[in-house]
Amino acid sequence: MLFGYHVSASGGLSRAFVEAEALQCDVIQIFVGSPQIWTTPLPDVKVAQRFKEAWKKSKVKKVLVHAAYLPNPASHKASLRNMSLKKLKDEAKIAYGIGADGYNFHCGSNQNSNAEGITHTIQTLNRLEELTRDKWPVKLIIENDAGAGNRIGDTIEELGAIWKGLKHKQRFGFCLDTCHLFVSGVDVRTKVDINDLLKKFDRLIGLKHLEFIHANDARFELGSKKDRHAKIGEGFIGEAGFKNLVNHPRLKNIPFILETPRTGDVKRDITDIKHLRRLVKK
């Protein structure tokens, strides 16, 4: 199985592989710019080339780019959807340029209704696919949400509704975040819970479209809607839950990316990836 972390690309995108090596990553996730600003400086060809060269020298098998925090494809405001579309397109362009295996984003929120939010999400994502299709056809990865504040895509049913409206489905995939699932009310602690989740996902979307797992324990209880990550085994999902997740036969080929709390001390931060690896039955 492939395990890894969201790592820092501060100081240059290729710097991500320095932290990746220190944390013994098989797979990494990065931001390609500041996650809290709308502008997206596009790197030149040399930056992308340095990234690819560093990747070849590393043990990392897959790279996922995570979107900035600001885009809101589901928004009730057309102006915000348009800004979001531009931001998503610019970051998708970078993700494709560095050879990433996917570009991961959330659907956002809608203050009017979930139905309107789903409709706007479908429209925005279909347009994003169209704008990137010819020159920057990176895989577009939709992530489930935690459900607070009129968020869209926190249930498998809503993800399925979005999937149904996408025109060119081959361009899209999904990432399921374990903390988001749990706090939105989807239990993932037992084998029965996980089987039920995957059966529903397979029926409404198709498991072949599940590309990544964000492996995060939950600081708050089931259905709390509070998106606060905890270290593996220290939250409400717990060690037993993650043991069931990493050993489920239908998840064995899915990369697990950790977004657990970090201290900056490699010796302390590396414990989560070691913990997950220990849980895998040989």
Protein backbone atom coordinates (compact mmCIF):
# COMPACT_ATOMS: atom_id res chain seq x y z
CA MET A 1 0.00 0.00 0.00
CA LEU A 2 1.02 3.61 -0.56
CA PHE A 3 1.08 5.98 2.41
CA GLY A 4 2.14 9.60 2.61
CA TYR A 5 1.52 13.13 3.86
CA HIS A 6 0.51 16.55 2.71
CA VAL A 7 3.99 18.11 2.57
CA SER A 8 5.28 21.65 2.23
CA ALA A 9 6.46 23.01 -1.10
CA SER A 10 7.61 26.27 0.48
CA GLY A 11 10.74 27.58 -1.20
CA GLY A 12 9.98 25.92 -4.52
CA LEU A 13 7.73 23.08 -5.63
CA SER A 14 10.60 20.59 -5.88
CA ARG A 15 11.35 21.16 -2.17
CA ALA A 16 8.34 18.97 -1.43
CA PHE A 17 10.47 15.89 -1.98
CA VAL A 18 12.87 16.88 0.82
CA GLU A 19 10.09 16.61 3.38
CA ALA A 20 8.67 13.59 1.57
CA GLU A 21 11.95 11.72 2.08
CA ALA A 22 12.21 12.70 5.74
CA LEU A 23 8.65 11.45 6.34
CA GLN A 24 9.15 8.23 4.34
CA CYS A 25 6.34 9.01 1.88
CA ASP A 26 5.21 6.77 -0.96
CA VAL A 27 2.71 9.44 -2.04
CA ILE A 28 2.46 13.17 -1.34
CA GLN A 29 -0.04 16.00 -1.53
CA ILE A 30 0.99 19.64 -2.02
CA PHE A 31 -0.34 23.14 -2.57
CA VAL A 32 1.05 24.81 -5.69
CA GLY A 33 0.70 28.29 -4.20
CA SER A 34 -0.60 30.03 -1.11
CA PRO A 35 -3.91 28.34 -0.19
CA GLN A 36 -5.35 31.63 1.09
CA ILE A 37 -5.00 33.98 -1.88
CA TRP A 38 -6.87 34.23 -5.17
CA THR A 39 -3.91 35.01 -7.41
CA THR A 40 -1.99 32.04 -8.80
CA PRO A 41 1.52 32.79 -10.05
CA LEU A 42 2.14 30.32 -12.85
CA PRO A 43 5.60 28.69 -12.61
CA ASP A 44 7.81 28.65 -15.67
CA VAL A 45 8.89 25.54 -17.53
CA LYS A 46 12.13 25.29 -15.52
CA VAL A 47 10.20 25.02 -12.22
CA ALA A 48 8.11 22.18 -13.57
CA GLN A 49 11.22 20.46 -14.93
CA ARG A 50 13.01 20.71 -11.58
CA PHE A 51 9.95 19.22 -9.91
CA LYS A 52 9.90 16.27 -12.31
CA GLU A 53 13.63 15.67 -11.92
CA ALA A 54 13.36 15.69 -8.11
CA TRP A 55 10.39 13.32 -8.33
CA LYS A 56 12.39 10.84 -10.42
CA LYS A 57 15.10 10.77 -7.76
CA SER A 58 12.62 10.23 -4.93
CA LYS A 59 10.70 7.17 -3.72
CA VAL A 60 7.37 8.96 -4.22
CA LYS A 61 5.05 7.06 -6.54
CA LYS A 62 2.14 9.53 -6.77
CA VAL A 63 1.58 13.28 -6.35
CA LEU A 64 -1.76 14.91 -5.61
CA VAL A 65 -2.23 18.67 -5.80
CA HIS A 66 -4.74 20.13 -3.34
CA ALA A 67 -6.69 23.25 -4.29
CA ALA A 68 -6.47 26.48 -2.35
CA TYR A 69 -9.07 27.01 0.38
CA LEU A 70 -10.94 29.82 -1.41
CA PRO A 71 -12.72 28.31 -4.46
CA ASN A 72 -16.47 27.71 -4.07
CA PRO A 73 -17.92 25.98 -7.17
CA ALA A 74 -21.33 25.64 -5.46
CA SER A 75 -21.78 29.27 -4.44
CA HIS A 76 -25.12 31.08 -4.87
CA LYS A 77 -23.09 34.07 -6.12
CA ALA A 78 -22.21 33.97 -9.81
CA SER A 79 -19.24 36.29 -9.22
CA LEU A 80 -17.73 33.89 -6.68
CA ARG A 81 -18.30 30.91 -8.97
CA ASN A 82 -16.50 32.73 -11.77
CA MET A 83 -13.55 33.61 -9.53
CA SER A 84 -13.49 30.01 -8.33
CA LEU A 85 -13.48 28.67 -11.86
CA LYS A 86 -10.46 30.80 -12.78
CA LYS A 87 -8.58 29.74 -9.65
CA LEU A 88 -9.36 26.06 -10.23
CA LYS A 89 -8.31 26.31 -13.88
CA ASP A 90 -5.01 28.03 -13.03
CA GLU A 91 -4.12 25.46 -10.38
CA ALA A 92 -5.18 22.55 -12.60
CA LYS A 93 -2.84 23.95 -15.26
CA ILE A 94 0.06 23.83 -12.78
CA ALA A 95 -0.90 20.35 -11.60
CA TYR A 96 -0.82 19.09 -15.15
CA GLY A 97 2.45 20.89 -15.86
CA ILE A 98 4.27 19.10 -13.04
CA GLY A 99 2.78 15.73 -13.99
CA ALA A 100 0.57 15.34 -10.92
CA ASP A 101 -1.76 12.35 -10.66
CA GLY A 102 -4.70 14.55 -9.77
CA TYR A 103 -6.01 17.93 -8.68
CA ASN A 104 -8.13 17.68 -5.52
CA PHE A 105 -10.82 20.19 -4.48
CA HIS A 106 -14.00 20.66 -2.47
CA CYS A 107 -17.41 21.58 -3.88
CA GLY A 108 -17.93 24.50 -1.50
CA SER A 109 -21.19 25.75 -0.01
CA ASN A 110 -24.48 27.34 -1.01
CA GLN A 111 -26.54 29.61 1.22
CA ASN A 112 -29.81 29.01 -0.62
CA SER A 113 -30.15 25.24 -0.78
CA ASN A 114 -28.23 22.01 -1.29
CA ALA A 115 -30.13 21.39 -4.52
CA GLU A 116 -28.98 24.73 -5.94
CA GLY A 117 -25.46 24.05 -4.68
CA ILE A 118 -25.34 20.71 -6.47
CA THR A 119 -26.61 22.31 -9.69
CA HIS A 120 -23.98 25.06 -9.54
CA THR A 121 -21.24 22.56 -8.71
CA ILE A 122 -22.10 20.48 -11.75
CA GLN A 123 -22.13 23.55 -13.99
CA THR A 124 -18.80 24.84 -12.64
CA LEU A 125 -17.05 21.48 -12.86
CA ASN A 126 -18.31 20.77 -16.36
CA ARG A 127 -16.94 24.16 -17.41
CA LEU A 128 -13.63 23.44 -15.63
CA GLU A 129 -13.36 20.16 -17.51
CA GLU A 130 -14.06 21.93 -20.79
CA LEU A 131 -11.47 24.66 -20.17
CA THR A 132 -8.71 22.19 -19.26
CA ARG A 133 -9.56 19.36 -21.64
CA ASP A 134 -7.27 20.12 -24.56
CA LYS A 135 -4.15 21.61 -22.95
CA TRP A 136 -4.16 20.57 -19.26
CA PRO A 137 -6.21 17.35 -18.88
CA VAL A 138 -5.18 16.53 -15.30
CA LYS A 139 -7.52 14.21 -13.39
CA LEU A 140 -10.04 16.33 -11.46
CA ILE A 141 -10.54 14.89 -7.97
CA ILE A 142 -13.68 15.75 -5.96
CA GLU A 143 -13.33 15.47 -2.18
CA ASN A 144 -16.19 14.85 0.26
CA ASP A 145 -16.90 17.52 2.85
CA ALA A 146 -17.53 17.56 6.59
CA GLY A 147 -21.00 19.09 6.24
CA ALA A 148 -20.90 22.25 8.34
CA GLY A 149 -22.27 25.58 7.07
CA ASN A 150 -24.34 24.44 4.08
CA ARG A 151 -21.40 22.55 2.61
CA ILE A 152 -22.03 20.53 -0.55
CA GLY A 153 -20.81 16.96 -1.06
CA ASP A 154 -20.75 15.74 2.53
CA THR A 155 -22.85 12.66 1.75
CA ILE A 156 -22.32 9.91 -0.80
CA GLU A 157 -25.78 10.72 -2.14
CA GLU A 158 -24.75 14.31 -2.91
CA LEU A 159 -21.49 13.16 -4.47
CA GLY A 160 -23.54 10.72 -6.54
CA ALA A 161 -25.85 13.51 -7.70
CA ILE A 162 -22.86 15.59 -8.78
CA TRP A 163 -21.35 12.57 -10.53
CA LYS A 164 -24.58 11.99 -12.42
CA GLY A 165 -24.45 15.52 -13.86
CA LEU A 166 -20.83 15.44 -15.04
CA LYS A 167 -20.60 15.20 -18.82
CA HIS A 168 -17.09 13.77 -19.30
CA LYS A 169 -16.80 11.40 -16.38
CA GLN A 170 -13.44 10.00 -17.45
CA ARG A 171 -11.81 13.28 -16.37
CA PHE A 172 -13.06 13.00 -12.79
CA GLY A 173 -12.28 10.94 -9.71
CA PHE A 174 -12.92 11.10 -5.96
CA CYS A 175 -11.04 11.38 -2.70
CA LEU A 176 -12.73 10.32 0.54
CA ASP A 177 -11.57 11.96 3.76
CA THR A 178 -12.10 9.70 6.78
CA CYS A 179 -12.56 12.57 9.23
CA HIS A 180 -15.04 14.31 6.92
CA LEU A 181 -17.00 11.09 6.50
CA PHE A 182 -17.14 10.49 10.24
CA VAL A 183 -18.15 13.97 11.37
CA SER A 184 -20.75 14.19 8.59
CA GLY A 185 -22.41 11.10 10.06
CA VAL A 186 -20.84 8.24 8.07
CA ASP A 187 -19.35 5.74 10.50
CA VAL A 188 -16.13 4.08 9.31
CA ARG A 189 -15.05 2.24 12.45
CA THR A 190 -16.19 -1.33 11.78
CA LYS A 191 -15.93 -3.71 8.86
CA VAL A 192 -19.72 -3.54 8.46
CA ASP A 193 -19.62 0.29 8.40
CA ILE A 194 -16.90 0.32 5.75
CA ASN A 195 -18.65 -2.33 3.66
CA ASP A 196 -21.88 -0.30 3.73
CA LEU A 197 -20.01 2.87 2.71
CA LEU A 198 -18.18 1.23 -0.18
CA LYS A 199 -21.30 -0.55 -1.43
CA LYS A 200 -23.16 2.76 -1.56
CA PHE A 201 -20.24 4.50 -3.26
CA ASP A 202 -19.99 1.68 -5.79
CA ARG A 203 -23.72 1.81 -6.52
CA LEU A 204 -23.97 5.59 -6.92
CA ILE A 205 -20.56 6.36 -8.45
CA GLY A 206 -18.38 3.28 -8.91
CA LEU A 207 -15.40 2.25 -6.78
CA LYS A 208 -13.10 2.38 -9.79
CA HIS A 209 -13.42 6.16 -9.56
CA LEU A 210 -12.11 6.31 -5.97
CA GLU A 211 -8.56 7.59 -6.46
CA PHE A 212 -7.32 8.64 -2.99
CA ILE A 213 -8.09 8.43 0.73
CA HIS A 214 -7.33 11.25 3.16
CA ALA A 215 -6.51 9.37 6.36
CA ASN A 216 -7.37 11.59 9.30
CA ASP A 217 -8.70 10.70 12.72
CA ALA A 218 -11.55 12.89 14.03
CA ARG A 219 -11.20 15.13 17.05
CA PHE A 220 -14.99 15.31 17.43
CA GLU A 221 -17.71 12.71 17.58
CA LEU A 222 -19.79 11.04 14.86
CA GLY A 223 -22.11 13.50 13.10
CA SER A 224 -20.65 16.56 14.85
CA LYS A 225 -19.99 18.43 11.56
CA LYS A 226 -16.73 19.70 13.11
CA ASP A 227 -13.81 19.33 10.72
CA ARG A 228 -10.90 18.95 13.13
CA HIS A 229 -8.30 16.31 12.38
CA ALA A 230 -6.60 14.19 15.03
CA LYS A 231 -3.55 11.96 14.92
CA ILE A 232 -4.19 8.34 14.00
CA GLY A 233 -5.62 6.46 16.98
CA GLU A 234 -6.10 9.60 19.08
CA GLY A 235 -9.55 10.56 17.79
CA PHE A 236 -13.05 9.12 17.70
CA ILE A 237 -12.37 6.82 14.73
CA GLY A 238 -9.55 5.24 16.68
CA GLU A 239 -6.89 2.66 15.94
CA ALA A 240 -9.40 -0.16 15.42
CA GLY A 241 -11.21 1.88 12.77
CA PHE A 242 -8.03 2.59 10.82
CA LYS A 243 -6.96 -1.04 11.11
CA ASN A 244 -10.22 -2.00 9.40
CA LEU A 245 -9.75 0.69 6.76
CA VAL A 246 -6.18 -0.12 5.74
CA ASN A 247 -6.93 -3.84 5.62
CA HIS A 248 -10.15 -3.66 3.62
CA PRO A 249 -9.54 -5.62 0.39
CA ARG A 250 -11.27 -3.00 -1.77
CA LEU A 251 -9.01 -0.22 -0.47
CA LYS A 252 -5.63 -1.97 -0.70
CA ASN A 253 -4.71 -0.24 -3.98
CA ILE A 254 -5.88 3.23 -2.93
CA PRO A 255 -3.15 5.66 -1.75
CA PHE A 256 -3.66 6.95 1.82
CA ILE A 257 -2.59 10.56 2.40
CA LEU A 258 -2.30 11.91 5.95
CA GLU A 259 -3.39 15.44 6.83
CA THR A 260 -2.99 14.89 10.57
CA PRO A 261 -1.72 17.63 12.94
CA ARG A 262 1.98 18.41 12.49
CA THR A 263 4.56 19.85 14.86
CA GLY A 264 7.47 20.45 12.49
CA ASP A 265 9.49 17.84 14.36
CA VAL A 266 10.01 14.97 11.90
CA LYS A 267 10.55 12.43 14.69
CA ARG A 268 7.12 13.24 16.11
CA ASP A 269 5.30 13.81 12.83
CA ILE A 270 6.44 10.55 11.26
CA THR A 271 4.60 8.52 13.91
CA ASP A 272 1.30 8.62 12.03
CA ILE A 273 2.63 7.02 8.85
CA LYS A 274 4.47 4.41 10.89
CA HIS A 275 1.29 3.74 12.83
CA LEU A 276 -0.73 3.11 9.65
CA ARG A 277 1.95 0.82 8.23
CA ARG A 278 2.02 -1.22 11.45
CA LEU A 279 -1.74 -1.72 11.18
CA VAL A 280 -1.49 -3.39 7.76
CA LYS A 281 -1.71 -7.15 8.10
CA LYS A 282 1.21 -8.91 6.46
